[in-house]
Amino acid sequence: MKKINTENQITRKEAIKKMSKYAALTAIGTFIILNPKQAQASSPPDPGGNPFD
């Protein structure tokens, strides 16, 4: 039977804690990059105008 090396293993609680930090940073970064108001303000005007006016 093989011995399991436990030196480099982390607990489930530690893994969840690390993943939650990563998820929070990812959500914040995504919100900053894809902020709808900022994206709309920086987009060029419609070249053809609004055909329904």
PDB file of N, CA and C in Angstrom:
ATOM      1  N   MET A   1       0.842  -1.181   0.000  1.00  0.00           N
ATOM      2  CA  MET A   1       0.000   0.000   0.000  1.00  0.00           C
ATOM      3  C   MET A   1       0.887   1.244   0.000  1.00  0.00           C
ATOM      4  N   LYS A   2       0.520   2.231  -0.818  1.00  0.00           N
ATOM      5  CA  LYS A   2       1.303   3.460  -0.896  1.00  0.00           C
ATOM      6  C   LYS A   2       0.996   4.377   0.271  1.00  0.00           C
ATOM      7  N   LYS A   3       2.033   5.100   0.687  1.00  0.00           N
ATOM      8  CA  LYS A   3       1.840   6.135   1.691  1.00  0.00           C
ATOM      9  C   LYS A   3       1.434   7.423   0.984  1.00  0.00           C
ATOM     10  N   ILE A   4       0.461   8.119   1.527  1.00  0.00           N
ATOM     11  CA  ILE A   4       0.021   9.374   0.947  1.00  0.00           C
ATOM     12  C   ILE A   4       0.832  10.505   1.554  1.00  0.00           C
ATOM     13  N   ASN A   5       1.446  11.311   0.687  1.00  0.00           N
ATOM     14  CA  ASN A   5       2.237  12.438   1.137  1.00  0.00           C
ATOM     15  C   ASN A   5       1.295  13.587   1.498  1.00  0.00           C
ATOM     16  N   THR A   6       1.248  13.965   2.772  1.00  0.00           N
ATOM     17  CA  THR A   6       0.317  15.005   3.223  1.00  0.00           C
ATOM     18  C   THR A   6       1.004  16.343   3.439  1.00  0.00           C
ATOM     19  N   GLU A   7       2.277  16.445   3.086  1.00  0.00           N
ATOM     20  CA  GLU A   7       3.005  17.697   3.302  1.00  0.00           C
ATOM     21  C   GLU A   7       2.468  18.825   2.424  1.00  0.00           C
ATOM     22  N   ASN A   8       2.146  18.538   1.177  1.00  0.00           N
ATOM     23  CA  ASN A   8       1.726  19.575   0.234  1.00  0.00           C
ATOM     24  C   ASN A   8       0.210  19.682   0.097  1.00  0.00           C
ATOM     25  N   GLN A   9      -0.535  18.926   0.854  1.00  0.00           N
ATOM     26  CA  GLN A   9      -1.986  18.949   0.730  1.00  0.00           C
ATOM     27  C   GLN A   9      -2.581  19.989   1.673  1.00  0.00           C
ATOM     28  N   ILE A  10      -3.704  20.565   1.246  1.00  0.00           N
ATOM     29  CA  ILE A  10      -4.404  21.518   2.094  1.00  0.00           C
ATOM     30  C   ILE A  10      -5.782  20.946   2.412  1.00  0.00           C
ATOM     31  N   THR A  11      -6.409  21.493   3.432  1.00  0.00           N
ATOM     32  CA  THR A  11      -7.721  20.997   3.820  1.00  0.00           C
ATOM     33  C   THR A  11      -8.788  21.577   2.904  1.00  0.00           C
ATOM     34  N   ARG A  12      -9.944  21.004   2.973  1.00  0.00           N
ATOM     35  CA  ARG A  12     -11.074  21.487   2.179  1.00  0.00           C
ATOM     36  C   ARG A  12     -11.420  22.924   2.558  1.00  0.00           C
ATOM     37  N   LYS A  13     -11.349  23.231   3.835  1.00  0.00           N
ATOM     38  CA  LYS A  13     -11.655  24.580   4.317  1.00  0.00           C
ATOM     39  C   LYS A  13     -10.674  25.601   3.740  1.00  0.00           C
ATOM     40  N   GLU A  14      -9.393  25.264   3.723  1.00  0.00           N
ATOM     41  CA  GLU A  14      -8.380  26.156   3.158  1.00  0.00           C
ATOM     42  C   GLU A  14      -8.589  26.346   1.656  1.00  0.00           C
ATOM     43  N   ALA A  15      -8.958  25.281   0.958  1.00  0.00           N
ATOM     44  CA  ALA A  15      -9.185  25.366  -0.483  1.00  0.00           C
ATOM     45  C   ALA A  15     -10.372  26.268  -0.789  1.00  0.00           C
ATOM     46  N   ILE A  16     -11.443  26.143  -0.021  1.00  0.00           N
ATOM     47  CA  ILE A  16     -12.627  26.986  -0.230  1.00  0.00           C
ATOM     48  C   ILE A  16     -12.292  28.438   0.047  1.00  0.00           C
ATOM     49  N   LYS A  17     -11.488  28.685   1.070  1.00  0.00           N
ATOM     50  CA  LYS A  17     -11.103  30.047   1.410  1.00  0.00           C
ATOM     51  C   LYS A  17     -10.286  30.675   0.275  1.00  0.00           C
ATOM     52  N   LYS A  18      -9.350  29.917  -0.289  1.00  0.00           N
ATOM     53  CA  LYS A  18      -8.534  30.428  -1.390  1.00  0.00           C
ATOM     54  C   LYS A  18      -9.385  30.678  -2.628  1.00  0.00           C
ATOM     55  N   MET A  19     -10.307  29.784  -2.924  1.00  0.00           N
ATOM     56  CA  MET A  19     -11.161  29.942  -4.093  1.00  0.00           C
ATOM     57  C   MET A  19     -12.110  31.125  -3.944  1.00  0.00           C
ATOM     58  N   SER A  20     -12.579  31.383  -2.741  1.00  0.00           N
ATOM     59  CA  SER A  20     -13.486  32.514  -2.546  1.00  0.00           C
ATOM     60  C   SER A  20     -12.748  33.833  -2.775  1.00  0.00           C
ATOM     61  N   LYS A  21     -11.492  33.907  -2.365  1.00  0.00           N
ATOM     62  CA  LYS A  21     -10.697  35.116  -2.618  1.00  0.00           C
ATOM     63  C   LYS A  21     -10.502  35.313  -4.118  1.00  0.00           C
ATOM     64  N   TYR A  22     -10.206  34.244  -4.828  1.00  0.00           N
ATOM     65  CA  TYR A  22     -10.009  34.317  -6.271  1.00  0.00           C
ATOM     66  C   TYR A  22     -11.305  34.736  -6.970  1.00  0.00           C
ATOM     67  N   ALA A  23     -12.418  34.159  -6.536  1.00  0.00           N
ATOM     68  CA  ALA A  23     -13.709  34.487  -7.146  1.00  0.00           C
ATOM     69  C   ALA A  23     -14.063  35.950  -6.913  1.00  0.00           C
ATOM     70  N   ALA A  24     -13.781  36.458  -5.723  1.00  0.00           N
ATOM     71  CA  ALA A  24     -14.081  37.862  -5.428  1.00  0.00           C
ATOM     72  C   ALA A  24     -13.244  38.790  -6.304  1.00  0.00           C
ATOM     73  N   LEU A  25     -11.964  38.493  -6.446  1.00  0.00           N
ATOM     74  CA  LEU A  25     -11.105  39.325  -7.281  1.00  0.00           C
ATOM     75  C   LEU A  25     -11.526  39.265  -8.745  1.00  0.00           C
ATOM     76  N   THR A  26     -11.927  38.093  -9.199  1.00  0.00           N
ATOM     77  CA  THR A  26     -12.370  37.941 -10.573  1.00  0.00           C
ATOM     78  C   THR A  26     -13.644  38.736 -10.819  1.00  0.00           C
ATOM     79  N   ALA A  27     -14.578  38.687  -9.869  1.00  0.00           N
ATOM     80  CA  ALA A  27     -15.829  39.432 -10.024  1.00  0.00           C
ATOM     81  C   ALA A  27     -15.573  40.939 -10.063  1.00  0.00           C
ATOM     82  N   ILE A  28     -14.710  41.414  -9.204  1.00  0.00           N
ATOM     83  CA  ILE A  28     -14.395  42.844  -9.175  1.00  0.00           C
ATOM     84  C   ILE A  28     -13.717  43.263 -10.480  1.00  0.00           C
ATOM     85  N   GLY A  29     -12.763  42.479 -10.930  1.00  0.00           N
ATOM     86  CA  GLY A  29     -12.067  42.791 -12.171  1.00  0.00           C
ATOM     87  C   GLY A  29     -12.997  42.779 -13.365  1.00  0.00           C
ATOM     88  N   THR A  30     -13.897  41.809 -13.411  1.00  0.00           N
ATOM     89  CA  THR A  30     -14.849  41.738 -14.507  1.00  0.00           C
ATOM     90  C   THR A  30     -15.786  42.936 -14.493  1.00  0.00           C
ATOM     91  N   PHE A  31     -16.231  43.337 -13.316  1.00  0.00           N
ATOM     92  CA  PHE A  31     -17.130  44.486 -13.207  1.00  0.00           C
ATOM     93  C   PHE A  31     -16.435  45.765 -13.670  1.00  0.00           C
ATOM     94  N   ILE A  32     -15.181  45.910 -13.297  1.00  0.00           N
ATOM     95  CA  ILE A  32     -14.439  47.111 -13.694  1.00  0.00           C
ATOM     96  C   ILE A  32     -14.238  47.140 -15.206  1.00  0.00           C
ATOM     97  N   ILE A  33     -13.869  46.007 -15.779  1.00  0.00           N
ATOM     98  CA  ILE A  33     -13.606  45.953 -17.211  1.00  0.00           C
ATOM     99  C   ILE A  33     -14.895  46.104 -18.026  1.00  0.00           C
ATOM    100  N   LEU A  34     -15.965  45.492 -17.566  1.00  0.00           N
ATOM    101  CA  LEU A  34     -17.202  45.478 -18.338  1.00  0.00           C
ATOM    102  C   LEU A  34     -18.267  46.419 -17.767  1.00  0.00           C
ATOM    103  N   ASN A  35     -17.846  47.489 -17.142  1.00  0.00           N
ATOM    104  CA  ASN A  35     -18.785  48.449 -16.577  1.00  0.00           C
ATOM    105  C   ASN A  35     -19.642  49.027 -17.715  1.00  0.00           C
ATOM    106  N   PRO A  36     -20.958  48.812 -17.694  1.00  0.00           N
ATOM    107  CA  PRO A  36     -21.795  49.205 -18.832  1.00  0.00           C
ATOM    108  C   PRO A  36     -21.825  50.715 -19.098  1.00  0.00           C
ATOM    109  N   LYS A  37     -21.876  51.530 -18.087  1.00  0.00           N
ATOM    110  CA  LYS A  37     -21.936  52.977 -18.310  1.00  0.00           C
ATOM    111  C   LYS A  37     -20.651  53.484 -18.953  1.00  0.00           C
ATOM    112  N   GLN A  38     -19.532  53.000 -18.489  1.00  0.00           N
ATOM    113  CA  GLN A  38     -18.256  53.431 -19.045  1.00  0.00           C
ATOM    114  C   GLN A  38     -18.114  52.920 -20.485  1.00  0.00           C
ATOM    115  N   ALA A  39     -18.532  51.711 -20.749  1.00  0.00           N
ATOM    116  CA  ALA A  39     -18.430  51.152 -22.089  1.00  0.00           C
ATOM    117  C   ALA A  39     -19.325  51.923 -23.060  1.00  0.00           C
ATOM    118  N   GLN A  40     -20.499  52.322 -22.610  1.00  0.00           N
ATOM    119  CA  GLN A  40     -21.414  53.074 -23.467  1.00  0.00           C
ATOM    120  C   GLN A  40     -20.873  54.471 -23.747  1.00  0.00           C
ATOM    121  N   ALA A  41     -20.255  55.078 -22.745  1.00  0.00           N
ATOM    122  CA  ALA A  41     -19.719  56.431 -22.912  1.00  0.00           C
ATOM    123  C   ALA A  41     -18.536  56.450 -23.868  1.00  0.00           C
ATOM    124  N   SER A  42     -17.766  55.367 -23.901  1.00  0.00           N
ATOM    125  CA  SER A  42     -16.576  55.355 -24.743  1.00  0.00           C
ATOM    126  C   SER A  42     -16.836  54.802 -26.141  1.00  0.00           C
ATOM    127  N   SER A  43     -18.061  54.327 -26.405  1.00  0.00           N
ATOM    128  CA  SER A  43     -18.339  53.780 -27.727  1.00  0.00           C
ATOM    129  C   SER A  43     -18.580  54.915 -28.715  1.00  0.00           C
ATOM    130  N   PRO A  44     -18.213  54.727 -29.985  1.00  0.00           N
ATOM    131  CA  PRO A  44     -18.407  55.791 -30.985  1.00  0.00           C
ATOM    132  C   PRO A  44     -19.895  55.971 -31.288  1.00  0.00           C
ATOM    133  N   PRO A  45     -20.289  57.136 -31.749  1.00  0.00           N
ATOM    134  CA  PRO A  45     -21.699  57.352 -32.089  1.00  0.00           C
ATOM    135  C   PRO A  45     -22.105  56.506 -33.291  1.00  0.00           C
ATOM    136  N   ASP A  46     -23.379  56.251 -33.390  1.00  0.00           N
ATOM    137  CA  ASP A  46     -23.911  55.445 -34.487  1.00  0.00           C
ATOM    138  C   ASP A  46     -23.756  56.222 -35.790  1.00  0.00           C
ATOM    139  N   PRO A  47     -23.041  55.678 -36.785  1.00  0.00           N
ATOM    140  CA  PRO A  47     -22.787  56.437 -38.019  1.00  0.00           C
ATOM    141  C   PRO A  47     -24.037  56.688 -38.848  1.00  0.00           C
ATOM    142  N   GLY A  48     -25.021  55.799 -38.790  1.00  0.00           N
ATOM    143  CA  GLY A  48     -26.209  55.969 -39.614  1.00  0.00           C
ATOM    144  C   GLY A  48     -27.331  56.694 -38.905  1.00  0.00           C
ATOM    145  N   GLY A  49     -27.161  56.960 -37.649  1.00  0.00           N
ATOM    146  CA  GLY A  49     -28.239  57.582 -36.894  1.00  0.00           C
ATOM    147  C   GLY A  49     -29.317  56.568 -36.559  1.00  0.00           C
ATOM    148  N   ASN A  50     -30.406  57.024 -36.002  1.00  0.00           N
ATOM    149  CA  ASN A  50     -31.494  56.143 -35.628  1.00  0.00           C
ATOM    150  C   ASN A  50     -32.514  56.105 -36.764  1.00  0.00           C
ATOM    151  N   PRO A  51     -32.733  54.959 -37.411  1.00  0.00           N
ATOM    152  CA  PRO A  51     -33.668  54.894 -38.540  1.00  0.00           C
ATOM    153  C   PRO A  51     -35.123  55.021 -38.112  1.00  0.00           C
ATOM    154  N   PHE A  52     -35.428  54.912 -36.839  1.00  0.00           N
ATOM    155  CA  PHE A  52     -36.801  54.963 -36.365  1.00  0.00           C
ATOM    156  C   PHE A  52     -37.226  56.355 -35.905  1.00  0.00           C
ATOM    157  N   ASP A  53     -36.388  57.367 -36.087  1.00  0.00           N
ATOM    158  CA  ASP A  53     -36.751  58.732 -35.668  1.00  0.00           C
ATOM    159  C   ASP A  53     -37.636  59.385 -36.682  1.00  0.00           C
TER     160      ASP A  53
END
